[in-house]
Amino acid sequence: MRILVTGSAGFIGFHLSRRLLAEGHTVVGVDNFNNYYDVKLKRDRDKILHRFKNFTVNENDICKLDDMKRVFSDGFDAVVNLAAQAGVRYSIENPHTFIQTNIAGFTNIIDCAKEAGVKNFIYASSSSVYGKHSLQPSNEEHNIMSPRSLYAATKISNEAIAFSYHDLFDMNCAGLRFFTVYGPWGRPDMALQLFADGISQNHRIDIFNHGDMYRDFTYIDDIIEGIVSCIYRQCGFQVFNLGSGAKVPLTKYISVLEKEFNKVAQKRLLPMQPGDVRESLADISKAKGWLNYKPTVYVEEGIKRYVKWYKEYYGV
């Protein structure tokens, strides 16, 4: 297959592209290599992808419609849109960036896919769409109209736009609600690396809501299995939770990290941050039924793999 992956130098986009390339598909990446976090990390991911002869990348911004039209000129069997401005807290301070990239940019990609006759369109949504919804585990049928951040609001908008394109143009549009993805090559602004940096360098780590937090931590390989399964299926319009299906206390997450580094973290307990939620847990029964989705890597093993990569990459 010939597959477009936007955000190919990003955390999830890199892992997906590498998997698809290893399976023999042709992957065309799109990434603007912006400086939201360390560009060197993005370049190092991209170098690995360029080891494959069946990979090319366009250093373009999905917000530039004319550039995206040129990218789509050769056609694709499937499109996976992972390019987005990330960061719940960052969205509170930079709302216009999120509107431009996550809504206008998303619309550019899905409209180009429609014009190019692409029938299978897969895109990243987020567990953050569940917002203030208190029922656990979160089910795809739950109301999502109470987002706690602009980031979450943009992801809800993506799902609504995708439905309209499905309804109007008979496109297969699958939205994947990712739950706290972690693993090697992860983003340095995410909690896992902030904790790893602090523990390895003997700095204090910030723990919000005084540690009373719970997350459905999902290892990157399990996420990739879910995305690939979507690529091989046409589901009409659907949204799927992709999580581990297990709720883990943040304190346990940190204790496993401490064990792997053989160090005790210096902790600073702080109040809850604006836009954050106390807990998340995915109901993954729909993904199991539709996609044969079966997460296999849980926190102890996932963090062990992450710390091994972290020590090698950062020379710790």
C-alpha atoms as a PDB file:
ATOM      1  CA  MET A   1       0.000   0.000   0.000  1.00  0.00           C
ATOM      2  CA  ARG A   2       0.959   3.641  -0.421  1.00  0.00           C
ATOM      3  CA  ILE A   3       0.222   5.428   2.866  1.00  0.00           C
ATOM      4  CA  LEU A   4       0.481   9.049   3.949  1.00  0.00           C
ATOM      5  CA  VAL A   5       1.489   9.617   7.581  1.00  0.00           C
ATOM      6  CA  THR A   6       1.332  13.209   8.775  1.00  0.00           C
ATOM      7  CA  GLY A   7       3.470  13.976  11.800  1.00  0.00           C
ATOM      8  CA  SER A   8       5.892  11.254  10.692  1.00  0.00           C
ATOM      9  CA  ALA A   9       8.741  12.649  12.828  1.00  0.00           C
ATOM     10  CA  GLY A  10       6.524  12.759  15.907  1.00  0.00           C
ATOM     11  CA  PHE A  11       6.413  10.115  18.626  1.00  0.00           C
ATOM     12  CA  ILE A  12       3.500   8.028  17.337  1.00  0.00           C
ATOM     13  CA  GLY A  13       4.038   8.930  13.672  1.00  0.00           C
ATOM     14  CA  PHE A  14       7.631   7.698  13.780  1.00  0.00           C
ATOM     15  CA  HIS A  15       6.722   4.336  15.321  1.00  0.00           C
ATOM     16  CA  LEU A  16       3.834   3.856  12.882  1.00  0.00           C
ATOM     17  CA  SER A  17       5.939   4.762   9.851  1.00  0.00           C
ATOM     18  CA  ARG A  18       8.734   2.401  10.897  1.00  0.00           C
ATOM     19  CA  ARG A  19       6.254  -0.438  11.346  1.00  0.00           C
ATOM     20  CA  LEU A  20       4.597   0.139   7.963  1.00  0.00           C
ATOM     21  CA  LEU A  21       7.946   0.437   6.193  1.00  0.00           C
ATOM     22  CA  ALA A  22       9.148  -2.807   7.759  1.00  0.00           C
ATOM     23  CA  GLU A  23       6.025  -4.486   6.388  1.00  0.00           C
ATOM     24  CA  GLY A  24       6.940  -3.339   2.884  1.00  0.00           C
ATOM     25  CA  HIS A  25       4.481  -0.471   2.420  1.00  0.00           C
ATOM     26  CA  THR A  26       5.465   2.810   0.811  1.00  0.00           C
ATOM     27  CA  VAL A  27       5.201   5.613   3.355  1.00  0.00           C
ATOM     28  CA  VAL A  28       5.117   9.296   2.504  1.00  0.00           C
ATOM     29  CA  GLY A  29       5.635  11.418   5.593  1.00  0.00           C
ATOM     30  CA  VAL A  30       4.698  15.007   6.272  1.00  0.00           C
ATOM     31  CA  ASP A  31       6.259  16.958   9.129  1.00  0.00           C
ATOM     32  CA  ASN A  32       7.148  20.613   9.668  1.00  0.00           C
ATOM     33  CA  PHE A  33       9.789  19.800  12.338  1.00  0.00           C
ATOM     34  CA  ASN A  34       8.611  22.671  14.532  1.00  0.00           C
ATOM     35  CA  ASN A  35      10.360  23.588  17.763  1.00  0.00           C
ATOM     36  CA  TYR A  36       7.567  22.827  20.241  1.00  0.00           C
ATOM     37  CA  TYR A  37      10.103  20.378  21.669  1.00  0.00           C
ATOM     38  CA  ASP A  38      13.689  19.366  20.829  1.00  0.00           C
ATOM     39  CA  VAL A  39      14.010  19.288  17.034  1.00  0.00           C
ATOM     40  CA  LYS A  40      17.058  17.010  17.311  1.00  0.00           C
ATOM     41  CA  LEU A  41      14.812  14.222  18.630  1.00  0.00           C
ATOM     42  CA  LYS A  42      12.555  14.617  15.598  1.00  0.00           C
ATOM     43  CA  ARG A  43      15.532  14.629  13.223  1.00  0.00           C
ATOM     44  CA  ASP A  44      16.962  11.500  14.834  1.00  0.00           C
ATOM     45  CA  ARG A  45      13.640   9.690  14.398  1.00  0.00           C
ATOM     46  CA  ASP A  46      13.518  10.844  10.779  1.00  0.00           C
ATOM     47  CA  LYS A  47      17.051   9.560  10.116  1.00  0.00           C
ATOM     48  CA  ILE A  48      15.938   6.073  11.145  1.00  0.00           C
ATOM     49  CA  LEU A  49      12.996   6.223   8.731  1.00  0.00           C
ATOM     50  CA  HIS A  50      15.310   7.269   5.907  1.00  0.00           C
ATOM     51  CA  ARG A  51      17.142   3.953   6.223  1.00  0.00           C
ATOM     52  CA  PHE A  52      14.172   2.522   4.336  1.00  0.00           C
ATOM     53  CA  LYS A  53      14.153   3.010   0.555  1.00  0.00           C
ATOM     54  CA  ASN A  54      10.358   3.087   0.550  1.00  0.00           C
ATOM     55  CA  PHE A  55      10.190   6.283   2.668  1.00  0.00           C
ATOM     56  CA  THR A  56      10.076   9.934   1.659  1.00  0.00           C
ATOM     57  CA  VAL A  57       9.213  12.970   3.751  1.00  0.00           C
ATOM     58  CA  ASN A  58       7.771  16.346   2.855  1.00  0.00           C
ATOM     59  CA  GLU A  59       8.901  19.116   5.189  1.00  0.00           C
ATOM     60  CA  ASN A  60       5.622  20.962   4.951  1.00  0.00           C
ATOM     61  CA  ASP A  61       3.024  22.409   7.287  1.00  0.00           C
ATOM     62  CA  ILE A  62      -0.439  20.861   7.078  1.00  0.00           C
ATOM     63  CA  CYS A  63      -1.853  24.382   7.491  1.00  0.00           C
ATOM     64  CA  LYS A  64      -0.587  25.292   4.007  1.00  0.00           C
ATOM     65  CA  LEU A  65      -3.288  24.011   1.694  1.00  0.00           C
ATOM     66  CA  ASP A  66      -1.422  24.416  -1.602  1.00  0.00           C
ATOM     67  CA  ASP A  67       1.512  22.404  -0.253  1.00  0.00           C
ATOM     68  CA  MET A  68      -0.840  19.661   0.895  1.00  0.00           C
ATOM     69  CA  LYS A  69      -2.520  19.533  -2.505  1.00  0.00           C
ATOM     70  CA  ARG A  70       0.887  18.840  -4.065  1.00  0.00           C
ATOM     71  CA  VAL A  71       1.581  16.085  -1.522  1.00  0.00           C
ATOM     72  CA  PHE A  72      -1.697  14.382  -2.493  1.00  0.00           C
ATOM     73  CA  SER A  73      -1.114  14.639  -6.248  1.00  0.00           C
ATOM     74  CA  ASP A  74       0.185  11.056  -6.536  1.00  0.00           C
ATOM     75  CA  GLY A  75      -2.646   9.489  -4.528  1.00  0.00           C
ATOM     76  CA  PHE A  76      -2.738   7.208  -1.488  1.00  0.00           C
ATOM     77  CA  ASP A  77      -4.447   4.011  -0.407  1.00  0.00           C
ATOM     78  CA  ALA A  78      -4.810   5.323   3.141  1.00  0.00           C
ATOM     79  CA  VAL A  79      -4.078   8.474   5.134  1.00  0.00           C
ATOM     80  CA  VAL A  80      -3.166   8.529   8.837  1.00  0.00           C
ATOM     81  CA  ASN A  81      -3.332  12.060  10.201  1.00  0.00           C
ATOM     82  CA  LEU A  82      -1.215  12.284  13.350  1.00  0.00           C
ATOM     83  CA  ALA A  83       0.057  15.835  12.866  1.00  0.00           C
ATOM     84  CA  ALA A  84      -1.292  18.135  15.557  1.00  0.00           C
ATOM     85  CA  GLN A  85      -0.229  20.650  18.139  1.00  0.00           C
ATOM     86  CA  ALA A  86      -0.075  18.666  21.357  1.00  0.00           C
ATOM     87  CA  GLY A  87      -0.190  19.679  24.996  1.00  0.00           C
ATOM     88  CA  VAL A  88      -3.227  20.198  27.211  1.00  0.00           C
ATOM     89  CA  ARG A  89      -1.551  22.905  29.285  1.00  0.00           C
ATOM     90  CA  TYR A  90       0.119  24.521  26.277  1.00  0.00           C
ATOM     91  CA  SER A  91      -3.303  24.939  24.660  1.00  0.00           C
ATOM     92  CA  ILE A  92      -4.464  27.163  27.512  1.00  0.00           C
ATOM     93  CA  GLU A  93      -1.674  29.642  26.787  1.00  0.00           C
ATOM     94  CA  ASN A  94      -1.574  29.329  22.978  1.00  0.00           C
ATOM     95  CA  PRO A  95      -5.159  28.841  21.775  1.00  0.00           C
ATOM     96  CA  HIS A  96      -4.683  30.236  18.262  1.00  0.00           C
ATOM     97  CA  THR A  97      -1.905  27.756  17.485  1.00  0.00           C
ATOM     98  CA  PHE A  98      -4.263  24.899  18.304  1.00  0.00           C
ATOM     99  CA  ILE A  99      -7.128  26.265  16.229  1.00  0.00           C
ATOM    100  CA  GLN A 100      -4.836  26.763  13.239  1.00  0.00           C
ATOM    101  CA  THR A 101      -3.078  23.387  13.336  1.00  0.00           C
ATOM    102  CA  ASN A 102      -5.637  21.052  14.860  1.00  0.00           C
ATOM    103  CA  ILE A 103      -8.738  22.350  13.099  1.00  0.00           C
ATOM    104  CA  ALA A 104      -7.679  24.262   9.950  1.00  0.00           C
ATOM    105  CA  GLY A 105      -4.772  21.873   9.285  1.00  0.00           C
ATOM    106  CA  PHE A 106      -6.938  18.828   9.949  1.00  0.00           C
ATOM    107  CA  THR A 107      -9.559  20.142   7.502  1.00  0.00           C
ATOM    108  CA  ASN A 108      -6.880  20.617   4.849  1.00  0.00           C
ATOM    109  CA  ILE A 109      -5.805  16.981   5.170  1.00  0.00           C
ATOM    110  CA  ILE A 110      -9.253  15.419   5.173  1.00  0.00           C
ATOM    111  CA  ASP A 111     -10.409  17.609   2.278  1.00  0.00           C
ATOM    112  CA  CYS A 112      -7.320  16.748   0.229  1.00  0.00           C
ATOM    113  CA  ALA A 113      -7.973  13.086   0.980  1.00  0.00           C
ATOM    114  CA  LYS A 114     -11.542  13.481  -0.273  1.00  0.00           C
ATOM    115  CA  GLU A 115     -10.417  15.238  -3.456  1.00  0.00           C
ATOM    116  CA  ALA A 116      -7.802  12.525  -4.092  1.00  0.00           C
ATOM    117  CA  GLY A 117     -10.385   9.756  -3.702  1.00  0.00           C
ATOM    118  CA  VAL A 118      -8.807   8.308  -0.546  1.00  0.00           C
ATOM    119  CA  LYS A 119     -11.402   6.074   1.046  1.00  0.00           C
ATOM    120  CA  ASN A 120      -9.648   5.170   4.278  1.00  0.00           C
ATOM    121  CA  PHE A 121      -8.901   8.124   6.558  1.00  0.00           C
ATOM    122  CA  ILE A 122      -7.574   7.485  10.076  1.00  0.00           C
ATOM    123  CA  TYR A 123      -6.819  10.258  12.539  1.00  0.00           C
ATOM    124  CA  ALA A 124      -5.631  10.830  16.077  1.00  0.00           C
ATOM    125  CA  SER A 125      -8.231  11.810  18.613  1.00  0.00           C
ATOM    126  CA  SER A 126      -7.552  11.744  22.354  1.00  0.00           C
ATOM    127  CA  SER A 127      -8.817  10.478  25.690  1.00  0.00           C
ATOM    128  CA  SER A 128      -8.974  14.147  26.677  1.00  0.00           C
ATOM    129  CA  VAL A 129     -12.290  14.431  24.791  1.00  0.00           C
ATOM    130  CA  TYR A 130     -13.996  12.810  27.790  1.00  0.00           C
ATOM    131  CA  GLY A 131     -13.252  15.907  29.839  1.00  0.00           C
ATOM    132  CA  LYS A 132     -15.333  16.266  32.988  1.00  0.00           C
ATOM    133  CA  HIS A 133     -17.236  13.074  32.266  1.00  0.00           C
ATOM    134  CA  SER A 134     -17.073  11.146  35.540  1.00  0.00           C
ATOM    135  CA  LEU A 135     -18.129   7.641  34.475  1.00  0.00           C
ATOM    136  CA  GLN A 136     -15.283   5.123  34.411  1.00  0.00           C
ATOM    137  CA  PRO A 137     -14.216   3.398  32.269  1.00  0.00           C
ATOM    138  CA  SER A 138     -14.760   5.874  29.431  1.00  0.00           C
ATOM    139  CA  ASN A 139     -16.922   4.434  26.687  1.00  0.00           C
ATOM    140  CA  GLU A 140     -17.204   5.726  23.114  1.00  0.00           C
ATOM    141  CA  GLU A 141     -20.940   6.290  23.670  1.00  0.00           C
ATOM    142  CA  HIS A 142     -20.385   8.705  26.563  1.00  0.00           C
ATOM    143  CA  ASN A 143     -21.145  12.394  26.163  1.00  0.00           C
ATOM    144  CA  ILE A 144     -18.023  14.364  25.212  1.00  0.00           C
ATOM    145  CA  MET A 145     -19.367  17.908  25.253  1.00  0.00           C
ATOM    146  CA  SER A 146     -17.565  19.092  28.393  1.00  0.00           C
ATOM    147  CA  PRO A 147     -13.884  19.383  27.375  1.00  0.00           C
ATOM    148  CA  ARG A 148     -11.506  20.678  30.026  1.00  0.00           C
ATOM    149  CA  SER A 149      -9.016  22.219  27.583  1.00  0.00           C
ATOM    150  CA  LEU A 150      -8.893  23.781  24.154  1.00  0.00           C
ATOM    151  CA  TYR A 151      -6.772  20.841  23.029  1.00  0.00           C
ATOM    152  CA  ALA A 152      -9.646  18.503  23.886  1.00  0.00           C
ATOM    153  CA  ALA A 153     -12.099  20.820  22.132  1.00  0.00           C
ATOM    154  CA  THR A 154     -10.045  20.647  18.923  1.00  0.00           C
ATOM    155  CA  LYS A 155     -10.114  16.849  19.027  1.00  0.00           C
ATOM    156  CA  ILE A 156     -13.893  16.858  19.471  1.00  0.00           C
ATOM    157  CA  SER A 157     -14.038  19.170  16.452  1.00  0.00           C
ATOM    158  CA  ASN A 158     -11.946  16.707  14.435  1.00  0.00           C
ATOM    159  CA  GLU A 159     -14.432  13.943  15.174  1.00  0.00           C
ATOM    160  CA  ALA A 160     -17.346  16.153  14.088  1.00  0.00           C
ATOM    161  CA  ILE A 161     -15.601  17.187  10.869  1.00  0.00           C
ATOM    162  CA  ALA A 162     -14.759  13.557  10.103  1.00  0.00           C
ATOM    163  CA  PHE A 163     -18.380  12.548  10.543  1.00  0.00           C
ATOM    164  CA  SER A 164     -19.519  15.214   8.088  1.00  0.00           C
ATOM    165  CA  TYR A 165     -17.005  14.010   5.475  1.00  0.00           C
ATOM    166  CA  HIS A 166     -18.122  10.425   5.999  1.00  0.00           C
ATOM    167  CA  ASP A 167     -21.759  11.398   5.663  1.00  0.00           C
ATOM    168  CA  LEU A 168     -21.309  13.670   2.653  1.00  0.00           C
ATOM    169  CA  PHE A 169     -18.651  11.801   0.695  1.00  0.00           C
ATOM    170  CA  ASP A 170     -18.879   8.190   1.908  1.00  0.00           C
ATOM    171  CA  MET A 171     -15.344   8.265   3.339  1.00  0.00           C
ATOM    172  CA  ASN A 172     -14.227   5.711   5.909  1.00  0.00           C
ATOM    173  CA  CYS A 173     -13.156   7.840   8.865  1.00  0.00           C
ATOM    174  CA  ALA A 174     -11.756   6.189  11.996  1.00  0.00           C
ATOM    175  CA  GLY A 175     -10.895   8.348  15.000  1.00  0.00           C
ATOM    176  CA  LEU A 176      -8.564   6.842  17.589  1.00  0.00           C
ATOM    177  CA  ARG A 177      -8.821   8.132  21.145  1.00  0.00           C
ATOM    178  CA  PHE A 178      -5.343   7.525  22.531  1.00  0.00           C
ATOM    179  CA  PHE A 179      -4.910   7.079  26.290  1.00  0.00           C
ATOM    180  CA  THR A 180      -1.611   8.376  27.793  1.00  0.00           C
ATOM    181  CA  VAL A 181       0.826   6.891  25.294  1.00  0.00           C
ATOM    182  CA  TYR A 182       4.397   6.266  26.480  1.00  0.00           C
ATOM    183  CA  GLY A 183       7.509   4.429  25.362  1.00  0.00           C
ATOM    184  CA  PRO A 184      10.906   4.836  23.635  1.00  0.00           C
ATOM    185  CA  TRP A 185      11.326   7.966  21.522  1.00  0.00           C
ATOM    186  CA  GLY A 186       8.564   9.659  23.528  1.00  0.00           C
ATOM    187  CA  ARG A 187       8.013  13.402  23.752  1.00  0.00           C
ATOM    188  CA  PRO A 188      10.265  15.176  26.273  1.00  0.00           C
ATOM    189  CA  ASP A 189       7.383  17.362  27.494  1.00  0.00           C
ATOM    190  CA  MET A 190       5.392  14.355  28.703  1.00  0.00           C
ATOM    191  CA  ALA A 191       5.344  13.224  32.327  1.00  0.00           C
ATOM    192  CA  LEU A 192       7.409  10.072  31.824  1.00  0.00           C
ATOM    193  CA  GLN A 193      10.443  11.902  30.492  1.00  0.00           C
ATOM    194  CA  LEU A 194      10.092  14.777  32.941  1.00  0.00           C
ATOM    195  CA  PHE A 195      10.148  12.189  35.719  1.00  0.00           C
ATOM    196  CA  ALA A 196      13.047  10.299  34.124  1.00  0.00           C
ATOM    197  CA  ASP A 197      15.049  13.513  33.748  1.00  0.00           C
ATOM    198  CA  GLY A 198      14.432  14.467  37.359  1.00  0.00           C
ATOM    199  CA  ILE A 199      15.228  11.061  38.834  1.00  0.00           C
ATOM    200  CA  SER A 200      18.358  10.481  36.741  1.00  0.00           C
ATOM    201  CA  GLN A 201      19.688  14.009  37.385  1.00  0.00           C
ATOM    202  CA  ASN A 202      18.703  14.156  41.085  1.00  0.00           C
ATOM    203  CA  HIS A 203      16.258  17.013  40.526  1.00  0.00           C
ATOM    204  CA  ARG A 204      12.829  17.402  42.088  1.00  0.00           C
ATOM    205  CA  ILE A 205       9.866  16.163  40.090  1.00  0.00           C
ATOM    206  CA  ASP A 206       6.483  17.885  40.197  1.00  0.00           C
ATOM    207  CA  ILE A 207       3.566  15.638  41.113  1.00  0.00           C
ATOM    208  CA  PHE A 208       0.153  17.222  40.687  1.00  0.00           C
ATOM    209  CA  ASN A 209      -2.999  16.768  42.745  1.00  0.00           C
ATOM    210  CA  HIS A 210      -0.615  15.682  45.512  1.00  0.00           C
ATOM    211  CA  GLY A 211      -0.153  12.351  43.732  1.00  0.00           C
ATOM    212  CA  ASP A 212      -3.845  11.443  43.719  1.00  0.00           C
ATOM    213  CA  MET A 213      -3.856  10.718  39.978  1.00  0.00           C
ATOM    214  CA  TYR A 214      -4.638   7.618  37.937  1.00  0.00           C
ATOM    215  CA  ARG A 215      -3.994   6.967  34.261  1.00  0.00           C
ATOM    216  CA  ASP A 216      -4.597   4.338  31.627  1.00  0.00           C
ATOM    217  CA  PHE A 217      -0.964   4.237  30.505  1.00  0.00           C
ATOM    218  CA  THR A 218      -0.682   2.690  27.029  1.00  0.00           C
ATOM    219  CA  TYR A 219       2.573   1.406  25.597  1.00  0.00           C
ATOM    220  CA  ILE A 220       3.449   2.654  22.119  1.00  0.00           C
ATOM    221  CA  ASP A 221       3.611  -0.817  20.509  1.00  0.00           C
ATOM    222  CA  ASP A 222       0.008  -1.512  21.521  1.00  0.00           C
ATOM    223  CA  ILE A 223      -1.097   1.820  20.047  1.00  0.00           C
ATOM    224  CA  ILE A 224       0.640   0.981  16.763  1.00  0.00           C
ATOM    225  CA  GLU A 225      -1.138  -2.388  16.609  1.00  0.00           C
ATOM    226  CA  GLY A 226      -4.458  -0.565  16.883  1.00  0.00           C
ATOM    227  CA  ILE A 227      -3.611   1.942  14.149  1.00  0.00           C
ATOM    228  CA  VAL A 228      -2.345  -0.730  11.745  1.00  0.00           C
ATOM    229  CA  SER A 229      -5.481  -2.761  12.313  1.00  0.00           C
ATOM    230  CA  CYS A 230      -7.526   0.295  11.299  1.00  0.00           C
ATOM    231  CA  ILE A 231      -5.477   0.731   8.127  1.00  0.00           C
ATOM    232  CA  TYR A 232      -6.335  -2.816   7.085  1.00  0.00           C
ATOM    233  CA  ARG A 233     -10.069  -2.317   7.698  1.00  0.00           C
ATOM    234  CA  GLN A 234     -12.722   0.038   6.442  1.00  0.00           C
ATOM    235  CA  CYS A 235     -15.081   0.886   9.271  1.00  0.00           C
ATOM    236  CA  GLY A 236     -17.363   3.573   7.919  1.00  0.00           C
ATOM    237  CA  PHE A 237     -17.415   6.254  10.601  1.00  0.00           C
ATOM    238  CA  GLN A 238     -16.196   5.020  13.981  1.00  0.00           C
ATOM    239  CA  VAL A 239     -14.254   6.196  17.008  1.00  0.00           C
ATOM    240  CA  PHE A 240     -12.226   3.748  19.095  1.00  0.00           C
ATOM    241  CA  ASN A 241     -10.585   3.946  22.481  1.00  0.00           C
ATOM    242  CA  LEU A 242      -7.002   2.725  22.359  1.00  0.00           C
ATOM    243  CA  GLY A 243      -5.784   2.186  25.910  1.00  0.00           C
ATOM    244  CA  SER A 244      -4.458  -0.605  28.061  1.00  0.00           C
ATOM    245  CA  GLY A 245      -7.753  -1.086  29.886  1.00  0.00           C
ATOM    246  CA  ALA A 246      -5.933  -0.836  33.233  1.00  0.00           C
ATOM    247  CA  LYS A 247      -5.993   2.141  35.619  1.00  0.00           C
ATOM    248  CA  VAL A 248      -2.603   2.684  37.268  1.00  0.00           C
ATOM    249  CA  PRO A 249      -1.881   5.079  40.156  1.00  0.00           C
ATOM    250  CA  LEU A 250       0.623   7.762  39.226  1.00  0.00           C
ATOM    251  CA  THR A 251       2.544   6.853  42.383  1.00  0.00           C
ATOM    252  CA  LYS A 252       3.060   3.315  41.041  1.00  0.00           C
ATOM    253  CA  TYR A 253       4.213   4.682  37.670  1.00  0.00           C
ATOM    254  CA  ILE A 254       6.854   6.715  39.494  1.00  0.00           C
ATOM    255  CA  SER A 255       7.887   3.840  41.765  1.00  0.00           C
ATOM    256  CA  VAL A 256       8.542   1.596  38.749  1.00  0.00           C
ATOM    257  CA  LEU A 257      10.733   4.344  37.275  1.00  0.00           C
ATOM    258  CA  GLU A 258      12.599   4.651  40.569  1.00  0.00           C
ATOM    259  CA  LYS A 259      13.252   0.914  40.540  1.00  0.00           C
ATOM    260  CA  GLU A 260      14.608   0.982  36.981  1.00  0.00           C
ATOM    261  CA  PHE A 261      16.950   3.887  37.769  1.00  0.00           C
ATOM    262  CA  ASN A 262      17.759   2.469  41.216  1.00  0.00           C
ATOM    263  CA  LYS A 263      17.121   5.911  42.685  1.00  0.00           C
ATOM    264  CA  VAL A 264      14.502   7.549  44.902  1.00  0.00           C
ATOM    265  CA  ALA A 265      12.782  10.557  43.356  1.00  0.00           C
ATOM    266  CA  GLN A 266      12.768  13.920  45.117  1.00  0.00           C
ATOM    267  CA  LYS A 267       9.085  14.785  44.957  1.00  0.00           C
ATOM    268  CA  ARG A 268       7.285  18.133  45.083  1.00  0.00           C
ATOM    269  CA  LEU A 269       3.545  17.688  45.646  1.00  0.00           C
ATOM    270  CA  LEU A 270       1.413  20.345  43.967  1.00  0.00           C
ATOM    271  CA  PRO A 271      -2.296  21.088  43.433  1.00  0.00           C
ATOM    272  CA  MET A 272      -4.171  19.956  40.325  1.00  0.00           C
ATOM    273  CA  GLN A 273      -3.285  21.915  37.196  1.00  0.00           C
ATOM    274  CA  PRO A 274      -5.936  23.694  35.089  1.00  0.00           C
ATOM    275  CA  GLY A 275      -7.296  21.483  32.311  1.00  0.00           C
ATOM    276  CA  ASP A 276      -6.130  18.240  33.910  1.00  0.00           C
ATOM    277  CA  VAL A 277      -8.265  15.305  35.050  1.00  0.00           C
ATOM    278  CA  ARG A 278      -7.819  13.096  38.101  1.00  0.00           C
ATOM    279  CA  GLU A 279      -8.218   9.764  36.347  1.00  0.00           C
ATOM    280  CA  SER A 280      -8.612   8.055  32.996  1.00  0.00           C
ATOM    281  CA  LEU A 281      -9.538   4.525  32.043  1.00  0.00           C
ATOM    282  CA  ALA A 282     -10.475   3.200  28.613  1.00  0.00           C
ATOM    283  CA  ASP A 283     -13.283   0.792  27.884  1.00  0.00           C
ATOM    284  CA  ILE A 284     -11.530  -1.057  25.028  1.00  0.00           C
ATOM    285  CA  SER A 285     -14.269  -3.604  24.311  1.00  0.00           C
ATOM    286  CA  LYS A 286     -15.231  -1.889  21.035  1.00  0.00           C
ATOM    287  CA  ALA A 287     -11.646  -1.901  19.753  1.00  0.00           C
ATOM    288  CA  LYS A 288     -11.314  -5.546  20.760  1.00  0.00           C
ATOM    289  CA  GLY A 289     -14.434  -6.441  18.785  1.00  0.00           C
ATOM    290  CA  TRP A 290     -13.830  -4.341  15.670  1.00  0.00           C
ATOM    291  CA  LEU A 291     -10.032  -4.285  15.456  1.00  0.00           C
ATOM    292  CA  ASN A 292      -9.000  -7.425  17.354  1.00  0.00           C
ATOM    293  CA  TYR A 293      -7.120  -5.023  19.608  1.00  0.00           C
ATOM    294  CA  LYS A 294      -5.289  -6.770  22.450  1.00  0.00           C
ATOM    295  CA  PRO A 295      -2.832  -4.705  24.512  1.00  0.00           C
ATOM    296  CA  THR A 296       0.009  -6.838  25.811  1.00  0.00           C
ATOM    297  CA  VAL A 297       2.579  -4.491  27.378  1.00  0.00           C
ATOM    298  CA  TYR A 298       1.841  -3.151  30.849  1.00  0.00           C
ATOM    299  CA  VAL A 299       3.607  -0.615  33.004  1.00  0.00           C
ATOM    300  CA  GLU A 300       6.411  -2.695  34.522  1.00  0.00           C
ATOM    301  CA  GLU A 301       7.606  -4.016  31.160  1.00  0.00           C
ATOM    302  CA  GLY A 302       6.851  -0.804  29.255  1.00  0.00           C
ATOM    303  CA  ILE A 303       8.861   1.405  31.601  1.00  0.00           C
ATOM    304  CA  LYS A 304      11.715  -1.106  31.612  1.00  0.00           C
ATOM    305  CA  ARG A 305      11.904  -0.838  27.810  1.00  0.00           C
ATOM    306  CA  TYR A 306      11.620   2.945  27.976  1.00  0.00           C
ATOM    307  CA  VAL A 307      14.429   3.357  30.528  1.00  0.00           C
ATOM    308  CA  LYS A 308      16.722   1.112  28.468  1.00  0.00           C
ATOM    309  CA  TRP A 309      16.176   3.399  25.449  1.00  0.00           C
ATOM    310  CA  TYR A 310      16.450   6.561  27.590  1.00  0.00           C
ATOM    311  CA  LYS A 311      19.835   5.551  29.004  1.00  0.00           C
ATOM    312  CA  GLU A 312      21.183   4.679  25.556  1.00  0.00           C
ATOM    313  CA  TYR A 313      19.852   7.767  23.758  1.00  0.00           C
ATOM    314  CA  TYR A 314      20.737  10.334  26.421  1.00  0.00           C
ATOM    315  CA  GLY A 315      23.936   8.657  27.558  1.00  0.00           C
ATOM    316  CA  VAL A 316      22.806   8.257  31.161  1.00  0.00           C
END
